[in-house]
N, C-alpha and C. Protein backbone atom coordinates (compact mmCIF):
# COMPACT_ATOMS: atom_id res chain seq x y z
N MET A 1 175.77 58.79 115.07
CA MET A 1 175.20 57.92 114.04
C MET A 1 174.04 57.08 114.62
N ILE A 2 173.03 56.88 113.82
CA ILE A 2 171.91 56.04 114.22
C ILE A 2 172.34 54.57 114.19
N ASP A 3 171.92 53.81 115.21
CA ASP A 3 172.12 52.36 115.19
C ASP A 3 171.06 51.80 114.24
N ILE A 4 171.40 51.70 112.95
CA ILE A 4 170.40 51.37 111.95
C ILE A 4 169.85 49.96 112.13
N LYS A 5 170.65 49.04 112.65
CA LYS A 5 170.17 47.68 112.87
C LYS A 5 169.03 47.68 113.89
N ALA A 6 169.23 48.39 115.01
CA ALA A 6 168.19 48.46 116.04
C ALA A 6 166.98 49.22 115.51
N TRP A 7 167.25 50.29 114.76
CA TRP A 7 166.14 51.11 114.25
C TRP A 7 165.28 50.30 113.27
N ILE A 8 165.91 49.58 112.37
CA ILE A 8 165.15 48.84 111.36
C ILE A 8 164.41 47.66 111.98
N GLU A 9 164.93 47.12 113.07
CA GLU A 9 164.21 46.06 113.77
C GLU A 9 162.91 46.61 114.37
N GLU A 10 162.99 47.79 114.98
CA GLU A 10 161.78 48.41 115.53
C GLU A 10 160.81 48.77 114.42
N PHE A 11 161.33 49.31 113.33
CA PHE A 11 160.50 49.68 112.20
C PHE A 11 159.76 48.46 111.65
N THR A 12 160.48 47.37 111.43
CA THR A 12 159.89 46.15 110.89
C THR A 12 158.81 45.61 111.81
N TYR A 13 159.08 45.65 113.12
CA TYR A 13 158.08 45.17 114.08
C TYR A 13 156.81 46.02 114.01
N LYS A 14 156.97 47.34 113.96
CA LYS A 14 155.80 48.23 113.96
C LYS A 14 155.02 48.14 112.65
N VAL A 15 155.73 47.96 111.56
CA VAL A 15 155.02 47.77 110.28
C VAL A 15 154.19 46.50 110.34
N GLY A 16 154.76 45.43 110.88
CA GLY A 16 154.03 44.17 111.01
C GLY A 16 152.82 44.28 111.92
N GLN A 17 152.96 45.05 112.99
CA GLN A 17 151.84 45.26 113.91
C GLN A 17 150.76 46.13 113.28
N THR A 18 151.19 47.08 112.46
CA THR A 18 150.25 48.01 111.83
C THR A 18 149.48 47.36 110.70
N PHE A 19 150.17 46.46 109.94
CA PHE A 19 149.55 45.78 108.80
C PHE A 19 149.71 44.26 108.95
N PRO A 20 149.03 43.67 109.93
CA PRO A 20 149.21 42.23 110.18
C PRO A 20 148.82 41.38 108.97
N ASN A 21 149.73 40.45 108.63
CA ASN A 21 149.53 39.50 107.52
C ASN A 21 149.38 40.19 106.16
N ARG A 22 149.87 41.41 106.05
CA ARG A 22 149.74 42.14 104.78
C ARG A 22 151.08 42.60 104.21
N VAL A 23 152.16 42.37 104.92
CA VAL A 23 153.47 42.88 104.49
C VAL A 23 154.14 41.87 103.58
N TRP A 24 154.36 42.27 102.33
CA TRP A 24 155.01 41.41 101.36
C TRP A 24 156.53 41.60 101.36
N PHE A 25 156.96 42.83 101.59
CA PHE A 25 158.41 43.11 101.54
C PHE A 25 158.72 44.37 102.34
N ILE A 26 159.89 44.35 103.01
CA ILE A 26 160.48 45.54 103.64
C ILE A 26 161.95 45.58 103.24
N GLY A 27 162.44 46.75 102.88
CA GLY A 27 163.84 46.89 102.49
C GLY A 27 164.41 48.24 102.88
N LEU A 28 165.69 48.37 102.67
CA LEU A 28 166.42 49.59 103.01
C LEU A 28 167.21 50.04 101.79
N GLN A 29 167.07 51.31 101.45
CA GLN A 29 167.78 51.88 100.32
C GLN A 29 168.68 53.02 100.78
N GLY A 30 169.29 53.70 99.81
CA GLY A 30 170.06 54.90 100.11
C GLY A 30 171.36 54.63 100.82
N SER A 31 171.83 55.64 101.53
CA SER A 31 173.15 55.57 102.17
C SER A 31 173.24 54.46 103.20
N TYR A 32 172.18 54.25 103.97
CA TYR A 32 172.22 53.17 104.96
C TYR A 32 172.24 51.80 104.29
N GLY A 33 171.55 51.67 103.17
CA GLY A 33 171.57 50.42 102.44
C GLY A 33 172.91 50.13 101.81
N ARG A 34 173.69 51.20 101.52
CA ARG A 34 175.00 51.04 100.89
C ARG A 34 176.14 51.11 101.90
N ASP A 35 175.82 51.23 103.18
CA ASP A 35 176.84 51.39 104.23
C ASP A 35 177.69 52.64 103.99
N GLU A 36 177.06 53.71 103.53
CA GLU A 36 177.75 54.98 103.30
C GLU A 36 177.12 56.12 104.09
N ALA A 37 176.36 55.80 105.12
CA ALA A 37 175.58 56.81 105.84
C ALA A 37 176.47 57.74 106.67
N THR A 38 176.00 58.98 106.81
CA THR A 38 176.59 59.96 107.70
C THR A 38 175.53 60.38 108.72
N ASP A 39 175.90 61.30 109.60
CA ASP A 39 174.96 61.74 110.64
C ASP A 39 173.69 62.35 110.06
N THR A 40 173.76 62.90 108.87
CA THR A 40 172.60 63.59 108.29
C THR A 40 171.88 62.77 107.23
N SER A 41 172.28 61.53 107.03
CA SER A 41 171.67 60.71 105.98
C SER A 41 170.21 60.39 106.29
N ASP A 42 169.40 60.38 105.23
CA ASP A 42 168.02 59.93 105.36
C ASP A 42 167.97 58.43 105.63
N ILE A 43 166.88 58.00 106.27
CA ILE A 43 166.61 56.57 106.43
C ILE A 43 165.58 56.22 105.36
N ASP A 44 166.05 55.59 104.31
CA ASP A 44 165.25 55.38 103.11
C ASP A 44 164.69 53.96 103.10
N VAL A 45 163.42 53.82 103.49
CA VAL A 45 162.83 52.49 103.68
C VAL A 45 161.81 52.19 102.58
N VAL A 46 161.67 50.91 102.27
CA VAL A 46 160.71 50.42 101.28
C VAL A 46 159.74 49.48 101.98
N VAL A 47 158.46 49.71 101.75
CA VAL A 47 157.42 48.82 102.28
C VAL A 47 156.47 48.47 101.13
N ILE A 48 156.30 47.17 100.89
CA ILE A 48 155.36 46.71 99.87
C ILE A 48 154.28 45.88 100.57
N LEU A 49 153.04 46.32 100.45
CA LEU A 49 151.90 45.62 101.05
C LEU A 49 151.18 44.79 99.99
N ASP A 50 150.29 43.90 100.46
CA ASP A 50 149.50 43.10 99.52
C ASP A 50 148.67 44.00 98.60
N LYS A 51 148.08 45.03 99.17
CA LYS A 51 147.36 46.06 98.44
C LYS A 51 147.61 47.37 99.16
N LEU A 52 147.42 48.49 98.47
CA LEU A 52 147.62 49.79 99.10
C LEU A 52 146.43 50.68 98.81
N ARG A 53 145.79 51.15 99.90
CA ARG A 53 144.67 52.07 99.80
C ARG A 53 145.07 53.38 100.47
N ILE A 54 144.32 54.43 100.20
CA ILE A 54 144.64 55.74 100.78
C ILE A 54 144.59 55.69 102.30
N ASP A 55 143.69 54.91 102.84
CA ASP A 55 143.62 54.80 104.30
C ASP A 55 144.89 54.15 104.86
N ASP A 56 145.51 53.25 104.09
CA ASP A 56 146.76 52.64 104.52
C ASP A 56 147.86 53.70 104.63
N LEU A 57 147.87 54.65 103.70
CA LEU A 57 148.87 55.72 103.75
C LEU A 57 148.71 56.55 105.02
N LYS A 58 147.49 56.83 105.39
CA LYS A 58 147.24 57.61 106.61
C LYS A 58 147.73 56.84 107.84
N VAL A 59 147.43 55.55 107.89
CA VAL A 59 147.86 54.72 109.03
C VAL A 59 149.38 54.62 109.06
N TYR A 60 149.99 54.44 107.90
CA TYR A 60 151.45 54.34 107.82
C TYR A 60 152.11 55.64 108.27
N ARG A 61 151.57 56.76 107.82
CA ARG A 61 152.11 58.06 108.22
C ARG A 61 152.04 58.24 109.73
N ASP A 62 150.93 57.86 110.34
CA ASP A 62 150.79 57.99 111.80
C ASP A 62 151.77 57.07 112.52
N MET A 63 151.99 55.87 111.97
CA MET A 63 152.94 54.95 112.58
C MET A 63 154.35 55.52 112.54
N LEU A 64 154.73 56.12 111.41
CA LEU A 64 156.05 56.71 111.29
C LEU A 64 156.27 57.82 112.32
N ASP A 65 155.21 58.52 112.65
CA ASP A 65 155.32 59.61 113.62
C ASP A 65 155.66 59.13 115.02
N THR A 66 155.53 57.83 115.26
CA THR A 66 155.88 57.28 116.59
C THR A 66 157.33 56.85 116.67
N LEU A 67 158.05 56.87 115.55
CA LEU A 67 159.42 56.37 115.52
C LEU A 67 160.43 57.47 115.80
N SER A 68 161.58 57.07 116.30
CA SER A 68 162.68 58.03 116.51
C SER A 68 163.24 58.47 115.16
N ASN A 69 163.85 59.64 115.14
CA ASN A 69 164.46 60.20 113.92
C ASN A 69 163.44 60.35 112.79
N ARG A 70 162.23 60.72 113.16
CA ARG A 70 161.14 60.84 112.17
C ARG A 70 161.51 61.78 111.03
N GLU A 71 162.27 62.84 111.35
CA GLU A 71 162.60 63.84 110.33
C GLU A 71 163.52 63.29 109.24
N LEU A 72 164.14 62.14 109.50
CA LEU A 72 165.06 61.55 108.52
C LEU A 72 164.42 60.44 107.69
N ILE A 73 163.20 60.04 108.06
CA ILE A 73 162.58 58.90 107.41
C ILE A 73 161.96 59.32 106.07
N CYS A 74 162.30 58.57 105.03
CA CYS A 74 161.69 58.78 103.72
C CYS A 74 161.55 57.41 103.07
N GLY A 75 161.25 57.38 101.76
CA GLY A 75 161.22 56.10 101.09
C GLY A 75 159.94 55.86 100.32
N PHE A 76 159.66 54.60 100.06
CA PHE A 76 158.62 54.19 99.11
C PHE A 76 157.70 53.16 99.75
N ILE A 77 156.40 53.37 99.60
CA ILE A 77 155.42 52.36 100.01
C ILE A 77 154.49 52.13 98.82
N SER A 78 154.13 50.87 98.59
CA SER A 78 153.36 50.53 97.41
C SER A 78 152.58 49.25 97.67
N GLY A 79 151.61 49.00 96.79
CA GLY A 79 150.98 47.70 96.73
C GLY A 79 151.79 46.78 95.85
N LYS A 80 151.66 45.47 96.05
CA LYS A 80 152.43 44.48 95.30
C LYS A 80 152.14 44.56 93.81
N ASP A 81 150.86 44.66 93.43
CA ASP A 81 150.51 44.66 92.02
C ASP A 81 151.11 45.85 91.28
N GLU A 82 151.11 47.01 91.92
CA GLU A 82 151.69 48.19 91.29
C GLU A 82 153.17 47.97 90.99
N LEU A 83 153.88 47.41 91.97
CA LEU A 83 155.31 47.18 91.79
C LEU A 83 155.57 46.18 90.66
N LEU A 84 154.78 45.12 90.60
CA LEU A 84 154.99 44.08 89.59
C LEU A 84 154.70 44.59 88.18
N ASN A 85 153.95 45.69 88.08
CA ASN A 85 153.64 46.27 86.78
C ASN A 85 154.38 47.58 86.53
N TRP A 86 155.41 47.85 87.31
CA TRP A 86 156.15 49.10 87.23
C TRP A 86 156.98 49.16 85.94
N GLU A 87 157.35 50.37 85.56
CA GLU A 87 158.26 50.58 84.43
C GLU A 87 159.57 49.80 84.67
N THR A 88 159.91 48.92 83.72
CA THR A 88 161.03 47.99 83.96
C THR A 88 162.37 48.70 84.11
N SER A 89 162.55 49.84 83.44
CA SER A 89 163.82 50.55 83.58
C SER A 89 164.03 51.06 85.00
N GLU A 90 162.94 51.37 85.70
CA GLU A 90 163.05 51.82 87.09
C GLU A 90 163.19 50.63 88.04
N LEU A 91 162.65 49.49 87.65
CA LEU A 91 162.79 48.30 88.49
C LEU A 91 164.24 47.86 88.61
N PHE A 92 165.03 48.11 87.56
CA PHE A 92 166.45 47.76 87.60
C PHE A 92 167.13 48.39 88.81
N GLN A 93 167.05 49.72 88.91
CA GLN A 93 167.69 50.43 90.02
C GLN A 93 167.05 50.05 91.35
N PHE A 94 165.72 49.92 91.33
CA PHE A 94 164.99 49.59 92.55
C PHE A 94 165.46 48.26 93.12
N TYR A 95 165.59 47.27 92.27
CA TYR A 95 166.00 45.95 92.74
C TYR A 95 167.42 45.96 93.30
N TYR A 96 168.35 46.49 92.54
CA TYR A 96 169.75 46.38 92.92
C TYR A 96 170.16 47.34 94.02
N ASP A 97 169.40 48.41 94.22
CA ASP A 97 169.76 49.37 95.27
C ASP A 97 168.99 49.14 96.56
N THR A 98 168.24 48.04 96.63
CA THR A 98 167.43 47.75 97.82
C THR A 98 168.01 46.57 98.58
N THR A 99 168.31 46.78 99.85
CA THR A 99 168.78 45.70 100.73
C THR A 99 167.56 45.08 101.42
N PRO A 100 167.26 43.81 101.16
CA PRO A 100 166.07 43.19 101.77
C PRO A 100 166.19 43.09 103.29
N VAL A 101 165.10 43.37 103.96
CA VAL A 101 164.99 43.18 105.41
C VAL A 101 163.99 42.08 105.71
N LYS A 102 162.88 42.10 104.99
CA LYS A 102 161.85 41.06 105.11
C LYS A 102 161.32 40.75 103.72
N GLY A 103 161.35 39.48 103.33
CA GLY A 103 160.87 39.11 102.01
C GLY A 103 161.96 39.24 100.96
N THR A 104 161.57 39.09 99.71
CA THR A 104 162.53 39.15 98.60
C THR A 104 161.89 39.81 97.39
N LEU A 105 162.73 40.43 96.57
CA LEU A 105 162.28 41.05 95.33
C LEU A 105 162.73 40.23 94.11
N ASP A 106 163.16 39.00 94.32
CA ASP A 106 163.75 38.22 93.24
C ASP A 106 162.80 37.98 92.07
N CYS A 107 161.49 38.05 92.32
CA CYS A 107 160.55 37.86 91.23
C CYS A 107 160.65 38.98 90.19
N LEU A 108 161.30 40.10 90.55
CA LEU A 108 161.47 41.20 89.60
C LEU A 108 162.56 40.92 88.57
N LEU A 109 163.45 39.98 88.86
CA LEU A 109 164.61 39.75 88.00
C LEU A 109 164.21 39.36 86.58
N GLU A 110 163.13 38.63 86.43
CA GLU A 110 162.71 38.21 85.09
C GLU A 110 162.28 39.39 84.23
N LYS A 111 161.99 40.52 84.87
CA LYS A 111 161.59 41.72 84.14
C LYS A 111 162.78 42.60 83.78
N ILE A 112 163.94 42.35 84.41
CA ILE A 112 165.10 43.23 84.26
C ILE A 112 166.08 42.62 83.27
N ASP A 113 165.81 42.76 81.99
CA ASP A 113 166.73 42.26 80.98
C ASP A 113 167.66 43.40 80.52
N LYS A 114 168.52 43.09 79.58
CA LYS A 114 169.50 44.09 79.13
C LYS A 114 168.82 45.28 78.47
N LYS A 115 167.70 45.03 77.82
CA LYS A 115 166.94 46.11 77.20
C LYS A 115 166.43 47.09 78.26
N ALA A 116 165.99 46.57 79.40
CA ALA A 116 165.51 47.43 80.49
C ALA A 116 166.64 48.27 81.07
N VAL A 117 167.84 47.68 81.17
CA VAL A 117 168.98 48.42 81.70
C VAL A 117 169.38 49.54 80.74
N LYS A 118 169.39 49.23 79.44
CA LYS A 118 169.70 50.26 78.44
C LYS A 118 168.67 51.40 78.51
N ARG A 119 167.42 51.03 78.70
CA ARG A 119 166.36 52.04 78.83
C ARG A 119 166.57 52.89 80.08
N ALA A 120 167.03 52.27 81.16
CA ALA A 120 167.32 53.02 82.39
C ALA A 120 168.41 54.06 82.14
N ILE A 121 169.44 53.67 81.39
CA ILE A 121 170.52 54.60 81.06
C ILE A 121 169.98 55.76 80.23
N LYS A 122 169.22 55.42 79.22
CA LYS A 122 168.71 56.42 78.28
C LYS A 122 167.78 57.41 78.99
N ILE A 123 166.83 56.91 79.74
CA ILE A 123 165.88 57.79 80.43
C ILE A 123 166.60 58.64 81.46
N GLY A 124 167.50 58.03 82.22
CA GLY A 124 168.25 58.78 83.23
C GLY A 124 169.07 59.90 82.62
N ALA A 125 169.76 59.59 81.52
CA ALA A 125 170.59 60.60 80.86
C ALA A 125 169.74 61.72 80.25
N CYS A 126 168.61 61.36 79.65
CA CYS A 126 167.71 62.37 79.08
C CYS A 126 167.21 63.33 80.17
N ASN A 127 166.82 62.77 81.30
CA ASN A 127 166.31 63.60 82.40
C ASN A 127 167.40 64.53 82.94
N ILE A 128 168.61 64.01 83.07
CA ILE A 128 169.71 64.83 83.57
C ILE A 128 170.05 65.94 82.57
N TYR A 129 170.11 65.59 81.30
CA TYR A 129 170.40 66.59 80.26
C TYR A 129 169.37 67.72 80.30
N HIS A 130 168.09 67.35 80.31
CA HIS A 130 167.02 68.34 80.32
C HIS A 130 167.12 69.23 81.56
N ALA A 131 167.24 68.61 82.72
CA ALA A 131 167.26 69.38 83.97
C ALA A 131 168.50 70.26 84.08
N CYS A 132 169.64 69.75 83.59
CA CYS A 132 170.88 70.52 83.71
C CYS A 132 170.86 71.73 82.78
N VAL A 133 170.35 71.55 81.56
CA VAL A 133 170.22 72.68 80.63
C VAL A 133 169.26 73.72 81.20
N HIS A 134 168.12 73.25 81.72
CA HIS A 134 167.15 74.18 82.31
C HIS A 134 167.77 74.94 83.49
N ASN A 135 168.49 74.22 84.32
CA ASN A 135 169.11 74.85 85.48
C ASN A 135 170.16 75.87 85.07
N PHE A 136 170.94 75.54 84.05
CA PHE A 136 172.00 76.45 83.58
C PHE A 136 171.41 77.76 83.08
N VAL A 137 170.29 77.68 82.36
CA VAL A 137 169.70 78.87 81.74
C VAL A 137 168.80 79.64 82.71
N HIS A 138 168.01 78.91 83.52
CA HIS A 138 166.94 79.56 84.27
C HIS A 138 167.18 79.62 85.78
N GLU A 139 167.40 78.48 86.41
CA GLU A 139 167.47 78.44 87.88
C GLU A 139 168.83 78.89 88.42
N LYS A 140 169.87 78.44 87.74
CA LYS A 140 171.25 78.75 88.17
C LYS A 140 171.48 78.34 89.62
N SER A 141 170.98 77.16 89.98
CA SER A 141 171.02 76.68 91.36
C SER A 141 172.15 75.68 91.58
N GLU A 142 173.00 75.96 92.54
CA GLU A 142 174.06 75.01 92.89
C GLU A 142 173.48 73.75 93.52
N ASP A 143 172.40 73.89 94.28
CA ASP A 143 171.79 72.72 94.92
C ASP A 143 171.22 71.77 93.87
N ILE A 144 170.58 72.32 92.84
CA ILE A 144 170.05 71.48 91.78
C ILE A 144 171.19 70.75 91.07
N LEU A 145 172.28 71.45 90.81
CA LEU A 145 173.42 70.82 90.15
C LEU A 145 173.98 69.68 90.99
N ARG A 146 174.08 69.90 92.29
CA ARG A 146 174.55 68.82 93.17
C ARG A 146 173.64 67.60 93.06
N SER A 147 172.32 67.83 93.06
CA SER A 147 171.38 66.72 93.00
C SER A 147 171.47 65.99 91.66
N LEU A 148 171.77 66.72 90.59
CA LEU A 148 171.90 66.09 89.28
C LEU A 148 173.15 65.22 89.20
N TYR A 149 174.21 65.64 89.86
CA TYR A 149 175.41 64.78 89.92
C TYR A 149 175.12 63.51 90.72
N LYS A 150 174.30 63.66 91.75
CA LYS A 150 173.89 62.47 92.52
C LYS A 150 173.11 61.51 91.62
N SER A 151 172.21 62.06 90.80
CA SER A 151 171.45 61.23 89.86
C SER A 151 172.36 60.58 88.83
N ALA A 152 173.41 61.28 88.43
CA ALA A 152 174.33 60.74 87.43
C ALA A 152 175.02 59.47 87.93
N VAL A 153 175.23 59.37 89.24
CA VAL A 153 175.86 58.16 89.80
C VAL A 153 174.99 56.94 89.51
N PHE A 154 173.68 57.09 89.64
CA PHE A 154 172.78 55.96 89.36
C PHE A 154 172.86 55.55 87.89
N VAL A 155 172.98 56.53 87.01
CA VAL A 155 173.12 56.20 85.58
C VAL A 155 174.45 55.48 85.34
N LEU A 156 175.50 55.93 86.00
CA LEU A 156 176.80 55.27 85.86
C LEU A 156 176.77 53.84 86.40
N GLN A 157 176.01 53.63 87.45
CA GLN A 157 175.86 52.26 87.95
C GLN A 157 175.19 51.38 86.89
N ALA A 158 174.19 51.95 86.21
CA ALA A 158 173.51 51.21 85.15
C ALA A 158 174.45 50.95 83.97
N VAL A 159 175.25 51.95 83.61
CA VAL A 159 176.22 51.79 82.53
C VAL A 159 177.21 50.66 82.86
N CYS A 160 177.71 50.68 84.08
CA CYS A 160 178.66 49.65 84.51
C CYS A 160 178.01 48.27 84.46
N PHE A 161 176.76 48.19 84.91
CA PHE A 161 176.06 46.91 84.89
C PHE A 161 175.82 46.44 83.46
N TYR A 162 175.45 47.36 82.59
CA TYR A 162 175.19 47.02 81.20
C TYR A 162 176.45 46.48 80.52
N GLU A 163 177.58 47.10 80.84
CA GLU A 163 178.84 46.72 80.18
C GLU A 163 179.49 45.50 80.80
N THR A 164 179.30 45.29 82.11
CA THR A 164 180.05 44.24 82.81
C THR A 164 179.18 43.16 83.45
N GLY A 165 177.88 43.45 83.63
CA GLY A 165 177.02 42.51 84.33
C GLY A 165 177.14 42.59 85.84
N LYS A 166 177.88 43.57 86.35
CA LYS A 166 178.07 43.72 87.79
C LYS A 166 177.43 45.02 88.28
N TYR A 167 176.62 44.90 89.33
CA TYR A 167 176.04 46.09 89.95
C TYR A 167 176.88 46.46 91.17
N ILE A 168 177.40 47.66 91.19
CA ILE A 168 178.29 48.10 92.27
C ILE A 168 177.60 49.21 93.05
N LYS A 169 177.27 48.93 94.31
CA LYS A 169 176.56 49.92 95.13
C LYS A 169 177.46 51.06 95.57
N SER A 170 178.65 50.74 96.04
CA SER A 170 179.56 51.73 96.62
C SER A 170 180.11 52.66 95.54
N LYS A 171 180.02 53.97 95.79
CA LYS A 171 180.55 54.94 94.83
C LYS A 171 182.06 54.80 94.68
N THR A 172 182.75 54.54 95.77
CA THR A 172 184.20 54.39 95.72
C THR A 172 184.59 53.16 94.90
N GLU A 173 183.90 52.05 95.12
CA GLU A 173 184.18 50.85 94.35
C GLU A 173 183.82 51.05 92.88
N LEU A 174 182.76 51.80 92.63
CA LEU A 174 182.37 52.08 91.25
C LEU A 174 183.45 52.90 90.56
N GLN A 175 184.02 53.86 91.27
CA GLN A 175 185.09 54.68 90.71
C GLN A 175 186.29 53.83 90.31
N ASN A 176 186.61 52.85 91.14
CA ASN A 176 187.74 51.97 90.84
C ASN A 176 187.44 51.01 89.69
N ALA A 177 186.15 50.72 89.47
CA ALA A 177 185.77 49.74 88.45
C ALA A 177 185.69 50.35 87.05
N ILE A 178 185.44 51.65 86.97
CA ILE A 178 185.27 52.29 85.67
C ILE A 178 186.63 52.65 85.08
N ASN A 179 186.87 52.18 83.88
CA ASN A 179 188.15 52.42 83.21
C ASN A 179 187.89 52.79 81.75
N PRO A 180 188.30 54.00 81.32
CA PRO A 180 189.04 55.01 82.07
C PRO A 180 188.16 55.67 83.14
N PRO A 181 188.78 56.32 84.13
CA PRO A 181 188.02 56.94 85.21
C PRO A 181 186.99 57.94 84.69
N SER A 182 185.88 58.05 85.39
CA SER A 182 184.80 58.95 84.99
C SER A 182 184.95 60.29 85.70
N ALA A 183 185.10 61.37 84.92
CA ALA A 183 185.20 62.71 85.51
C ALA A 183 183.90 63.09 86.20
N VAL A 184 182.77 62.60 85.68
CA VAL A 184 181.48 62.89 86.30
C VAL A 184 181.39 62.24 87.67
N LEU A 185 181.81 60.99 87.78
CA LEU A 185 181.77 60.30 89.07
C LEU A 185 182.75 60.95 90.05
N THR A 186 183.93 61.30 89.59
CA THR A 186 184.90 61.98 90.46
C THR A 186 184.32 63.29 91.00
N THR A 187 183.65 64.04 90.13
CA THR A 187 183.04 65.30 90.54
C THR A 187 181.91 65.04 91.54
N ALA A 188 181.10 64.01 91.29
CA ALA A 188 180.01 63.66 92.21
C ALA A 188 180.55 63.32 93.59
N LEU A 189 181.64 62.57 93.64
CA LEU A 189 182.25 62.22 94.93
C LEU A 189 182.82 63.45 95.62
N ASN A 190 183.44 64.32 94.85
CA ASN A 190 183.99 65.54 95.43
C ASN A 190 182.88 66.43 96.01
N LEU A 191 181.77 66.53 95.29
CA LEU A 191 180.64 67.33 95.78
C LEU A 191 180.05 66.72 97.04
N LYS A 192 179.95 65.40 97.08
CA LYS A 192 179.44 64.73 98.28
C LYS A 192 180.32 65.02 99.48
N ASN A 193 181.61 65.18 99.23
CA ASN A 193 182.56 65.45 100.32
C ASN A 193 182.73 66.94 100.60
N GLY A 194 181.86 67.75 100.01
CA GLY A 194 181.84 69.17 100.35
C GLY A 194 182.60 70.10 99.45
N ALA A 195 182.97 69.63 98.26
CA ALA A 195 183.73 70.48 97.34
C ALA A 195 182.90 71.68 96.89
N GLU A 196 183.59 72.75 96.55
CA GLU A 196 182.94 73.95 96.04
C GLU A 196 182.34 73.68 94.67
N VAL A 197 181.15 74.22 94.42
CA VAL A 197 180.52 74.09 93.11
C VAL A 197 181.11 75.11 92.15
N LYS A 198 181.66 74.62 91.05
CA LYS A 198 182.09 75.49 89.96
C LYS A 198 181.01 75.37 88.89
N PHE A 199 180.05 76.27 88.97
CA PHE A 199 178.77 76.07 88.31
C PHE A 199 178.88 75.85 86.81
N GLU A 200 179.52 76.76 86.11
CA GLU A 200 179.55 76.65 84.64
C GLU A 200 180.39 75.45 84.19
N GLU A 201 181.52 75.27 84.82
CA GLU A 201 182.41 74.16 84.46
C GLU A 201 181.75 72.81 84.72
N MET A 202 181.16 72.67 85.90
CA MET A 202 180.53 71.39 86.25
C MET A 202 179.26 71.15 85.44
N SER A 203 178.53 72.21 85.14
CA SER A 203 177.34 72.06 84.30
C SER A 203 177.73 71.58 82.91
N ALA A 204 178.77 72.17 82.34
CA ALA A 204 179.22 71.78 81.00
C ALA A 204 179.65 70.31 80.98
N LEU A 205 180.38 69.89 82.00
CA LEU A 205 180.82 68.50 82.08
C LEU A 205 179.63 67.55 82.10
N LEU A 206 178.63 67.88 82.92
CA LEU A 206 177.48 67.00 83.08
C LEU A 206 176.62 66.98 81.81
N ILE A 207 176.43 68.14 81.20
CA ILE A 207 175.63 68.20 79.96
C ILE A 207 176.29 67.39 78.85
N ASN A 208 177.58 67.56 78.67
CA ASN A 208 178.28 66.82 77.62
C ASN A 208 178.27 65.32 77.86
N TRP A 209 178.41 64.92 79.12
CA TRP A 209 178.35 63.49 79.46
C TRP A 209 176.96 62.93 79.19
N ALA A 210 175.92 63.65 79.63
CA ALA A 210 174.56 63.19 79.41
C ALA A 210 174.25 63.11 77.91
N LYS A 211 174.73 64.09 77.17
CA LYS A 211 174.54 64.09 75.71
C LYS A 211 175.14 62.83 75.09
N ALA A 212 176.32 62.46 75.52
CA ALA A 212 176.97 61.25 75.00
C ALA A 212 176.18 60.00 75.34
N CYS A 213 175.63 59.95 76.55
CA CYS A 213 174.82 58.79 76.97
C CYS A 213 173.53 58.71 76.16
N VAL A 214 172.90 59.87 75.92
CA VAL A 214 171.66 59.89 75.15
C VAL A 214 171.90 59.33 73.75
N GLY A 215 173.02 59.71 73.14
CA GLY A 215 173.32 59.25 71.80
C GLY A 215 173.92 57.86 71.72
N GLY A 216 174.47 57.39 72.84
CA GLY A 216 175.22 56.14 72.80
C GLY A 216 174.46 54.89 73.19
N TYR A 217 173.21 55.05 73.68
CA TYR A 217 172.46 53.88 74.13
C TYR A 217 171.11 53.82 73.45
N ASN A 218 171.13 53.86 72.12
CA ASN A 218 169.92 53.71 71.33
C ASN A 218 169.58 52.24 71.16
N GLU A 219 168.34 52.00 70.75
CA GLU A 219 167.90 50.62 70.50
C GLU A 219 168.67 50.04 69.31
């Protein structure tokens, strides 16, 4: 396992050296941000600069190439203004799934009202429904189905937050919080733990669940 604390300290230092006096925020997302990382987990980092130009992307890319575990590094880099004007339904997940390392994203909270959370559920469910139907008919890919179940967890987090006001990062804790238990979340956890894909059965479950979400969270 990567010593993520040591790694993120080096990352933060190098970002600061690369963009002196320009770093507005640094954060950690994904499995490492949720304390659910495994040996193969990506290191999902967020960097927000005062402004972002194409030359900054080139410099940032070169800086990343100097870090250990380069093949695992992914994430999001943006200018501050772009983030502040982002689609509010996406800001919901972005805010709550990001662990701050430097700076704060609290200014986003005023943009994340209940309407934005409902929109996050609706858009997420629509995308999953579309992709799952397409995959069932055309691609027939087990990998795509696995990724769609992963996406469904984020929608379930939004559903839980909408209904209870609580954002739960951990999949296991989310499973315990949802009553009655969610078959989609149980399947997502099983797939994460290496369960065999039962393509038609799991596709039907996900499509029907997404269909219910699409119809159940209208304005």
